[in-house]
N, C-alpha and C. Protein backbone atom coordinates (compact mmCIF):
# COMPACT_ATOMS: atom_id res chain seq x y z
N MET A 1 -58.08 74.45 -135.19
CA MET A 1 -57.74 74.69 -136.57
C MET A 1 -57.65 73.36 -137.32
N SER A 2 -58.35 73.30 -138.40
CA SER A 2 -58.35 72.07 -139.17
C SER A 2 -57.66 72.29 -140.50
N THR A 3 -57.17 71.22 -141.06
CA THR A 3 -56.54 71.30 -142.36
C THR A 3 -57.19 70.31 -143.30
N ASN A 4 -57.31 70.68 -144.56
CA ASN A 4 -57.90 69.82 -145.58
C ASN A 4 -59.30 69.34 -145.22
N VAL A 5 -60.13 70.23 -144.72
CA VAL A 5 -61.51 69.88 -144.39
C VAL A 5 -62.41 70.36 -145.52
N LYS A 6 -63.35 69.52 -145.93
CA LYS A 6 -64.30 69.91 -146.97
C LYS A 6 -65.62 70.21 -146.28
N TYR A 7 -66.09 71.45 -146.43
CA TYR A 7 -67.32 71.85 -145.78
C TYR A 7 -68.51 71.58 -146.67
N ARG A 8 -69.67 71.41 -146.06
CA ARG A 8 -70.89 71.19 -146.82
C ARG A 8 -71.59 72.51 -147.13
N ILE A 9 -71.00 73.60 -146.68
CA ILE A 9 -71.49 74.93 -147.01
C ILE A 9 -70.49 75.56 -147.96
N ARG A 10 -71.00 76.15 -149.04
CA ARG A 10 -70.13 76.72 -150.06
C ARG A 10 -70.47 78.19 -150.29
N ARG A 11 -69.61 78.86 -151.05
CA ARG A 11 -69.84 80.26 -151.38
C ARG A 11 -71.14 80.39 -152.18
N ASP A 12 -71.87 81.48 -151.95
CA ASP A 12 -73.15 81.81 -152.59
C ASP A 12 -74.32 80.97 -152.08
N ASP A 13 -74.14 80.12 -151.06
CA ASP A 13 -75.26 79.41 -150.44
C ASP A 13 -76.02 80.37 -149.55
N GLU A 14 -77.34 80.19 -149.44
CA GLU A 14 -78.11 80.96 -148.47
C GLU A 14 -78.09 80.19 -147.16
N VAL A 15 -77.76 80.88 -146.08
CA VAL A 15 -77.66 80.25 -144.77
C VAL A 15 -78.46 81.05 -143.75
N VAL A 16 -78.79 80.38 -142.63
CA VAL A 16 -79.45 81.02 -141.50
C VAL A 16 -78.50 80.91 -140.31
N ILE A 17 -78.44 81.96 -139.50
CA ILE A 17 -77.57 81.97 -138.33
C ILE A 17 -78.31 81.26 -137.19
N ILE A 18 -77.68 80.27 -136.56
CA ILE A 18 -78.35 79.48 -135.53
C ILE A 18 -77.85 79.79 -134.13
N ALA A 19 -76.82 80.63 -134.00
CA ALA A 19 -76.31 80.97 -132.67
C ALA A 19 -75.65 82.34 -132.73
N GLY A 20 -75.61 83.02 -131.59
CA GLY A 20 -74.96 84.31 -131.51
C GLY A 20 -75.94 85.46 -131.54
N ARG A 21 -75.41 86.67 -131.63
CA ARG A 21 -76.26 87.85 -131.52
C ARG A 21 -77.15 88.05 -132.75
N ASP A 22 -76.78 87.47 -133.88
CA ASP A 22 -77.58 87.59 -135.11
C ASP A 22 -78.43 86.35 -135.37
N LYS A 23 -78.74 85.60 -134.34
CA LYS A 23 -79.51 84.36 -134.48
C LYS A 23 -80.82 84.62 -135.23
N GLY A 24 -81.11 83.78 -136.23
CA GLY A 24 -82.32 83.92 -137.02
C GLY A 24 -82.14 84.69 -138.30
N ALA A 25 -81.03 85.43 -138.43
CA ALA A 25 -80.78 86.22 -139.64
C ALA A 25 -80.39 85.30 -140.80
N ARG A 26 -80.78 85.72 -142.01
CA ARG A 26 -80.42 84.96 -143.21
C ARG A 26 -79.50 85.81 -144.07
N GLY A 27 -78.65 85.14 -144.82
CA GLY A 27 -77.77 85.85 -145.74
C GLY A 27 -77.05 84.89 -146.65
N LYS A 28 -76.32 85.48 -147.60
CA LYS A 28 -75.58 84.70 -148.59
C LYS A 28 -74.12 84.61 -148.15
N VAL A 29 -73.51 83.45 -148.31
CA VAL A 29 -72.12 83.26 -147.94
C VAL A 29 -71.24 83.99 -148.95
N ILE A 30 -70.42 84.90 -148.45
CA ILE A 30 -69.51 85.66 -149.30
C ILE A 30 -68.19 84.91 -149.45
N ARG A 31 -67.70 84.37 -148.34
CA ARG A 31 -66.37 83.79 -148.33
C ARG A 31 -66.27 82.74 -147.22
N ILE A 32 -65.47 81.71 -147.46
CA ILE A 32 -65.21 80.69 -146.45
C ILE A 32 -63.72 80.73 -146.13
N LEU A 33 -63.40 80.71 -144.84
CA LEU A 33 -62.01 80.72 -144.39
C LEU A 33 -61.70 79.36 -143.76
N PRO A 34 -61.28 78.37 -144.56
CA PRO A 34 -61.13 77.01 -144.04
C PRO A 34 -60.03 76.86 -143.00
N ASP A 35 -58.98 77.67 -143.07
CA ASP A 35 -57.90 77.55 -142.09
C ASP A 35 -58.33 78.00 -140.71
N LYS A 36 -59.37 78.83 -140.63
CA LYS A 36 -59.86 79.32 -139.33
C LYS A 36 -61.22 78.74 -138.96
N ASP A 37 -61.80 77.87 -139.82
CA ASP A 37 -63.14 77.31 -139.61
C ASP A 37 -64.18 78.41 -139.48
N LYS A 38 -64.07 79.43 -140.33
CA LYS A 38 -64.99 80.57 -140.26
C LYS A 38 -65.61 80.84 -141.62
N VAL A 39 -66.69 81.63 -141.59
CA VAL A 39 -67.42 81.97 -142.79
C VAL A 39 -67.83 83.44 -142.68
N ILE A 40 -67.92 84.13 -143.83
CA ILE A 40 -68.39 85.51 -143.85
C ILE A 40 -69.70 85.54 -144.61
N VAL A 41 -70.75 86.06 -143.94
CA VAL A 41 -72.10 86.10 -144.51
C VAL A 41 -72.47 87.56 -144.76
N ALA A 42 -73.09 87.83 -145.92
CA ALA A 42 -73.45 89.19 -146.30
C ALA A 42 -74.46 89.79 -145.34
N LYS A 43 -74.22 91.03 -144.91
CA LYS A 43 -75.10 91.83 -144.06
C LYS A 43 -75.40 91.18 -142.70
N VAL A 44 -74.51 90.30 -142.23
CA VAL A 44 -74.68 89.66 -140.92
C VAL A 44 -73.37 89.81 -140.15
N ASN A 45 -73.46 89.95 -138.83
CA ASN A 45 -72.29 90.10 -137.96
C ASN A 45 -71.49 91.35 -138.35
N MET A 46 -72.21 92.48 -138.51
CA MET A 46 -71.58 93.72 -138.91
C MET A 46 -70.79 94.32 -137.75
N VAL A 47 -69.57 94.79 -138.05
CA VAL A 47 -68.72 95.44 -137.06
C VAL A 47 -68.22 96.75 -137.63
N LYS A 48 -67.83 97.66 -136.76
CA LYS A 48 -67.30 98.95 -137.20
C LYS A 48 -65.77 98.88 -137.16
N ARG A 49 -65.15 99.28 -138.26
CA ARG A 49 -63.69 99.28 -138.36
C ARG A 49 -63.23 100.73 -138.47
N HIS A 50 -62.30 101.12 -137.62
CA HIS A 50 -61.73 102.46 -137.69
C HIS A 50 -60.51 102.39 -138.60
N THR A 51 -60.63 102.97 -139.79
CA THR A 51 -59.55 102.84 -140.77
C THR A 51 -58.83 104.17 -140.95
N LYS A 52 -57.54 104.04 -141.14
CA LYS A 52 -56.70 105.21 -141.37
C LYS A 52 -56.80 105.60 -142.84
N ALA A 53 -56.79 106.87 -143.12
CA ALA A 53 -56.87 107.35 -144.50
C ALA A 53 -55.62 106.97 -145.27
N SER A 54 -55.81 106.62 -146.53
CA SER A 54 -54.69 106.31 -147.42
C SER A 54 -55.04 106.81 -148.82
N GLN A 55 -54.20 106.53 -149.78
CA GLN A 55 -54.50 106.95 -151.15
C GLN A 55 -55.70 106.18 -151.69
N ALA A 56 -55.91 104.96 -151.21
CA ALA A 56 -57.00 104.12 -151.72
C ALA A 56 -58.35 104.51 -151.11
N ASN A 57 -58.38 104.91 -149.83
CA ASN A 57 -59.66 105.28 -149.21
C ASN A 57 -59.51 106.52 -148.34
N SER A 58 -60.66 107.10 -147.99
CA SER A 58 -60.64 108.35 -147.24
C SER A 58 -60.56 108.15 -145.73
N GLY A 59 -60.68 106.89 -145.26
CA GLY A 59 -60.59 106.63 -143.84
C GLY A 59 -61.90 106.89 -143.13
N GLY A 60 -61.90 106.75 -141.83
CA GLY A 60 -63.10 106.94 -141.04
C GLY A 60 -63.61 105.63 -140.48
N ILE A 61 -64.85 105.62 -140.04
CA ILE A 61 -65.45 104.43 -139.46
C ILE A 61 -66.23 103.71 -140.55
N ILE A 62 -65.81 102.51 -140.86
CA ILE A 62 -66.42 101.71 -141.93
C ILE A 62 -67.11 100.50 -141.30
N GLU A 63 -68.33 100.23 -141.75
CA GLU A 63 -69.06 99.07 -141.25
C GLU A 63 -68.93 97.94 -142.25
N ARG A 64 -68.49 96.77 -141.78
CA ARG A 64 -68.31 95.63 -142.67
C ARG A 64 -68.62 94.32 -141.96
N GLU A 65 -68.71 93.23 -142.72
CA GLU A 65 -69.01 91.93 -142.15
C GLU A 65 -67.77 91.34 -141.50
N ALA A 66 -67.97 90.71 -140.34
CA ALA A 66 -66.88 90.01 -139.67
C ALA A 66 -67.10 88.51 -139.83
N ALA A 67 -66.03 87.75 -139.70
CA ALA A 67 -66.12 86.30 -139.83
C ALA A 67 -66.82 85.72 -138.61
N MET A 68 -67.53 84.61 -138.82
CA MET A 68 -68.17 83.90 -137.71
C MET A 68 -67.89 82.42 -137.88
N ALA A 69 -68.03 81.68 -136.79
CA ALA A 69 -67.75 80.24 -136.82
C ALA A 69 -68.70 79.55 -137.79
N ILE A 70 -68.17 78.64 -138.58
CA ILE A 70 -68.99 77.94 -139.56
C ILE A 70 -70.01 77.04 -138.89
N SER A 71 -69.77 76.68 -137.63
CA SER A 71 -70.72 75.86 -136.89
C SER A 71 -71.96 76.64 -136.49
N ASN A 72 -71.94 77.96 -136.61
CA ASN A 72 -73.08 78.80 -136.24
C ASN A 72 -74.00 79.11 -137.41
N VAL A 73 -73.75 78.51 -138.58
CA VAL A 73 -74.63 78.72 -139.72
C VAL A 73 -75.18 77.38 -140.20
N GLN A 74 -76.36 77.45 -140.80
CA GLN A 74 -77.03 76.25 -141.30
C GLN A 74 -77.59 76.56 -142.68
N TYR A 75 -77.45 75.61 -143.59
CA TYR A 75 -77.91 75.78 -144.97
C TYR A 75 -79.43 75.92 -145.00
N VAL A 76 -79.95 76.80 -145.88
CA VAL A 76 -81.39 76.97 -146.04
C VAL A 76 -81.81 76.22 -147.29
N CYS A 77 -82.63 75.17 -147.09
CA CYS A 77 -83.14 74.37 -148.21
C CYS A 77 -84.19 75.18 -148.96
N PRO A 78 -84.10 75.28 -150.30
CA PRO A 78 -85.09 76.06 -151.05
C PRO A 78 -86.49 75.46 -150.97
N LYS A 79 -86.59 74.14 -150.84
CA LYS A 79 -87.90 73.49 -150.77
C LYS A 79 -88.51 73.61 -149.38
N CYS A 80 -87.72 73.34 -148.33
CA CYS A 80 -88.21 73.42 -146.94
C CYS A 80 -88.32 74.87 -146.47
N ASP A 81 -87.51 75.77 -147.02
CA ASP A 81 -87.42 77.18 -146.65
C ASP A 81 -87.09 77.37 -145.18
N GLN A 82 -86.19 76.52 -144.68
CA GLN A 82 -85.68 76.67 -143.31
C GLN A 82 -84.31 76.03 -143.23
N GLY A 83 -83.62 76.27 -142.11
CA GLY A 83 -82.29 75.71 -141.93
C GLY A 83 -82.34 74.21 -141.79
N VAL A 84 -81.50 73.51 -142.53
CA VAL A 84 -81.48 72.05 -142.50
C VAL A 84 -80.04 71.56 -142.44
N ARG A 85 -79.89 70.30 -142.04
CA ARG A 85 -78.59 69.65 -142.11
C ARG A 85 -78.40 69.17 -143.54
N VAL A 86 -77.14 69.12 -143.96
CA VAL A 86 -76.82 68.74 -145.33
C VAL A 86 -76.14 67.39 -145.34
N GLY A 87 -76.64 66.50 -146.20
CA GLY A 87 -76.03 65.19 -146.38
C GLY A 87 -75.39 65.10 -147.75
N VAL A 88 -74.68 64.01 -147.98
CA VAL A 88 -74.04 63.78 -149.27
C VAL A 88 -74.48 62.43 -149.79
N LYS A 89 -74.88 62.39 -151.07
CA LYS A 89 -75.31 61.15 -151.71
C LYS A 89 -74.55 60.97 -153.01
N SER A 90 -74.36 59.71 -153.41
CA SER A 90 -73.78 59.41 -154.71
C SER A 90 -74.91 59.10 -155.68
N LEU A 91 -74.88 59.74 -156.84
CA LEU A 91 -75.88 59.47 -157.86
C LEU A 91 -75.47 58.26 -158.69
N ASP A 92 -76.37 57.82 -159.57
CA ASP A 92 -76.11 56.66 -160.41
C ASP A 92 -74.92 56.87 -161.34
N ASP A 93 -74.73 58.13 -161.78
CA ASP A 93 -73.61 58.40 -162.69
C ASP A 93 -72.28 58.60 -161.97
N GLY A 94 -72.27 58.41 -160.65
CA GLY A 94 -71.03 58.48 -159.87
C GLY A 94 -70.75 59.83 -159.23
N ARG A 95 -71.58 60.86 -159.55
CA ARG A 95 -71.37 62.18 -158.95
C ARG A 95 -71.83 62.18 -157.50
N LYS A 96 -71.13 62.95 -156.66
CA LYS A 96 -71.56 63.16 -155.28
C LYS A 96 -72.28 64.49 -155.23
N VAL A 97 -73.47 64.52 -154.64
CA VAL A 97 -74.25 65.76 -154.54
C VAL A 97 -74.69 65.97 -153.09
N ARG A 98 -74.89 67.24 -152.75
CA ARG A 98 -75.41 67.57 -151.42
C ARG A 98 -76.92 67.41 -151.43
N THR A 99 -77.47 66.90 -150.33
CA THR A 99 -78.91 66.70 -150.22
C THR A 99 -79.40 67.25 -148.89
N CYS A 100 -80.69 67.59 -148.87
CA CYS A 100 -81.36 68.05 -147.65
C CYS A 100 -81.69 66.83 -146.82
N ARG A 101 -81.37 66.86 -145.53
CA ARG A 101 -81.65 65.72 -144.67
C ARG A 101 -83.13 65.62 -144.30
N LYS A 102 -83.90 66.72 -144.49
CA LYS A 102 -85.32 66.70 -144.15
C LYS A 102 -86.17 66.17 -145.28
N CYS A 103 -86.02 66.76 -146.47
CA CYS A 103 -86.90 66.42 -147.59
C CYS A 103 -86.20 65.59 -148.66
N ASP A 104 -84.92 65.28 -148.47
CA ASP A 104 -84.13 64.47 -149.40
C ASP A 104 -83.99 65.13 -150.78
N GLU A 105 -84.17 66.43 -150.86
CA GLU A 105 -84.03 67.19 -152.10
C GLU A 105 -82.54 67.32 -152.47
N VAL A 106 -82.20 67.18 -153.76
CA VAL A 106 -80.84 67.39 -154.22
C VAL A 106 -80.57 68.89 -154.27
N LEU A 107 -79.50 69.35 -153.60
CA LEU A 107 -79.21 70.78 -153.49
C LEU A 107 -78.28 71.26 -154.59
N ASP A 108 -77.46 70.38 -155.14
CA ASP A 108 -76.52 70.76 -156.20
C ASP A 108 -77.15 70.44 -157.55
N GLN A 109 -76.92 71.31 -158.52
CA GLN A 109 -77.46 71.06 -159.86
C GLN A 109 -76.38 70.56 -160.77
């Protein structure tokens, strides 16, 4: 468990799964759980949850995304169109931006 860690993967990034049963699958990051070093990716790592009926829902078996280790996902560069490592560079105006380590493309706008 880490504290005060800044990840190079953010919400709404497209990522590819590099390990586990869903290896090779692509999806969008829904949520990052920094206290657990985990990430939730849309339509990946689906599990069945048996939920009890309540006033809010009817209950039954619900399929939803489960959290996975952030080390098992890799950012997908729009230019390379594959999983790449992400670096950080400082621009001339002093901003820090994420960059693709393969093609040196700036990932943040």
